[in-house]
Amino acid sequence: MIIAPLRSSLIKKGMIYSPAHGDTAFTVPLFDQFMLRTMPDGPRKAGQ
């Protein structure tokens, strides 16, 4: 899986930002907890 294009897309959409080299953070407070509640098993892979 290539992460860079996905990360770049999320930054352009304003969903995440990079506070320091190698770090990524959500722009919306508690969004990480929301994602864990709505997708407890993690993201599905294509074809599943």
N, C-alpha and C. Protein backbone atom coordinates (compact mmCIF):
# COMPACT_ATOMS: atom_id res chain seq x y z
N MET A 1 0.84 -1.17 0.00
CA MET A 1 0.00 0.00 0.00
C MET A 1 0.89 1.24 0.00
N ILE A 2 0.57 2.16 -0.86
CA ILE A 2 1.32 3.41 -0.92
C ILE A 2 0.59 4.45 -0.07
N ILE A 3 1.24 4.94 0.96
CA ILE A 3 0.62 5.84 1.92
C ILE A 3 0.69 7.30 1.49
N ALA A 4 1.78 7.72 0.86
CA ALA A 4 2.00 9.14 0.55
C ALA A 4 0.84 9.79 -0.21
N PRO A 5 0.29 9.18 -1.28
CA PRO A 5 -0.82 9.83 -1.98
C PRO A 5 -2.08 9.97 -1.10
N LEU A 6 -2.36 8.97 -0.29
CA LEU A 6 -3.51 9.03 0.61
C LEU A 6 -3.31 10.13 1.66
N ARG A 7 -2.13 10.18 2.24
CA ARG A 7 -1.80 11.21 3.24
C ARG A 7 -1.91 12.60 2.61
N SER A 8 -1.36 12.77 1.44
CA SER A 8 -1.42 14.05 0.74
C SER A 8 -2.86 14.47 0.47
N SER A 9 -3.67 13.52 0.06
CA SER A 9 -5.09 13.80 -0.21
C SER A 9 -5.82 14.25 1.05
N LEU A 10 -5.55 13.60 2.18
CA LEU A 10 -6.20 13.96 3.44
C LEU A 10 -5.74 15.34 3.93
N ILE A 11 -4.48 15.68 3.69
CA ILE A 11 -3.98 17.01 4.05
C ILE A 11 -4.66 18.06 3.19
N LYS A 12 -4.78 17.82 1.89
CA LYS A 12 -5.45 18.76 0.99
C LYS A 12 -6.91 18.97 1.36
N LYS A 13 -7.57 17.92 1.86
CA LYS A 13 -8.98 18.02 2.27
C LYS A 13 -9.13 18.67 3.64
N GLY A 14 -8.01 18.88 4.33
CA GLY A 14 -8.07 19.53 5.64
C GLY A 14 -8.42 18.59 6.78
N MET A 15 -8.35 17.29 6.56
CA MET A 15 -8.71 16.33 7.61
C MET A 15 -7.56 16.03 8.55
N ILE A 16 -6.33 16.13 8.04
CA ILE A 16 -5.14 15.90 8.86
C ILE A 16 -4.12 16.99 8.56
N TYR A 17 -3.12 17.08 9.42
CA TYR A 17 -2.00 17.98 9.17
C TYR A 17 -0.73 17.33 9.71
N SER A 18 0.39 17.90 9.37
CA SER A 18 1.66 17.35 9.81
C SER A 18 2.36 18.36 10.71
N PRO A 19 2.25 18.21 12.04
CA PRO A 19 2.85 19.17 12.96
C PRO A 19 4.38 19.12 12.98
N ALA A 20 4.94 17.99 12.60
CA ALA A 20 6.40 17.82 12.56
C ALA A 20 6.72 16.72 11.54
N HIS A 21 7.94 16.71 11.09
CA HIS A 21 8.35 15.71 10.11
C HIS A 21 8.06 14.30 10.64
N GLY A 22 7.30 13.53 9.86
CA GLY A 22 6.98 12.16 10.24
C GLY A 22 5.75 12.02 11.12
N ASP A 23 5.18 13.13 11.55
CA ASP A 23 3.99 13.09 12.40
C ASP A 23 2.75 13.47 11.60
N THR A 24 1.63 12.92 11.99
CA THR A 24 0.34 13.27 11.40
C THR A 24 -0.67 13.40 12.53
N ALA A 25 -1.54 14.40 12.42
CA ALA A 25 -2.56 14.60 13.45
C ALA A 25 -3.87 14.97 12.77
N PHE A 26 -4.98 14.62 13.42
CA PHE A 26 -6.29 15.00 12.91
C PHE A 26 -6.55 16.47 13.22
N THR A 27 -7.25 17.16 12.31
CA THR A 27 -7.58 18.56 12.52
C THR A 27 -8.81 18.74 13.39
N VAL A 28 -9.66 17.73 13.48
CA VAL A 28 -10.88 17.80 14.28
C VAL A 28 -10.62 17.12 15.63
N PRO A 29 -10.84 17.83 16.74
CA PRO A 29 -10.63 17.21 18.05
C PRO A 29 -11.45 15.93 18.21
N LEU A 30 -10.84 14.92 18.78
CA LEU A 30 -11.45 13.62 19.08
C LEU A 30 -11.87 12.83 17.84
N PHE A 31 -11.43 13.23 16.65
CA PHE A 31 -11.79 12.50 15.43
C PHE A 31 -11.24 11.07 15.46
N ASP A 32 -10.06 10.89 16.04
CA ASP A 32 -9.50 9.55 16.14
C ASP A 32 -10.41 8.63 16.94
N GLN A 33 -10.99 9.13 18.02
CA GLN A 33 -11.90 8.32 18.83
C GLN A 33 -13.20 8.02 18.08
N PHE A 34 -13.68 9.00 17.31
CA PHE A 34 -14.87 8.78 16.48
C PHE A 34 -14.61 7.66 15.48
N MET A 35 -13.45 7.69 14.82
CA MET A 35 -13.13 6.66 13.83
C MET A 35 -13.04 5.29 14.49
N LEU A 36 -12.48 5.22 15.66
CA LEU A 36 -12.40 3.93 16.36
C LEU A 36 -13.79 3.41 16.74
N ARG A 37 -14.71 4.31 17.09
CA ARG A 37 -16.08 3.88 17.41
C ARG A 37 -16.82 3.41 16.16
N THR A 38 -16.65 4.11 15.05
CA THR A 38 -17.41 3.78 13.84
C THR A 38 -16.78 2.65 13.04
N MET A 39 -15.48 2.43 13.22
CA MET A 39 -14.79 1.36 12.49
C MET A 39 -13.93 0.55 13.47
N PRO A 40 -14.54 -0.15 14.42
CA PRO A 40 -13.76 -0.84 15.45
C PRO A 40 -12.83 -1.92 14.91
N ASP A 41 -13.15 -2.46 13.73
CA ASP A 41 -12.29 -3.50 13.16
C ASP A 41 -11.26 -2.94 12.19
N GLY A 42 -11.21 -1.62 12.07
CA GLY A 42 -10.26 -1.00 11.16
C GLY A 42 -10.83 -0.92 9.75
N PRO A 43 -10.06 -0.32 8.85
CA PRO A 43 -10.55 -0.17 7.48
C PRO A 43 -10.60 -1.51 6.76
N ARG A 44 -11.55 -1.63 5.87
CA ARG A 44 -11.65 -2.84 5.05
C ARG A 44 -10.74 -2.72 3.86
N LYS A 45 -10.17 -3.82 3.45
CA LYS A 45 -9.35 -3.83 2.24
C LYS A 45 -10.24 -3.98 1.03
N ALA A 46 -9.77 -3.51 -0.09
CA ALA A 46 -10.54 -3.61 -1.34
C ALA A 46 -10.92 -5.06 -1.60
N GLY A 47 -12.15 -5.26 -1.99
CA GLY A 47 -12.63 -6.61 -2.31
C GLY A 47 -13.24 -7.35 -1.14
N GLN A 48 -13.31 -6.73 0.01
CA GLN A 48 -13.88 -7.40 1.18
C GLN A 48 -15.29 -6.94 1.43
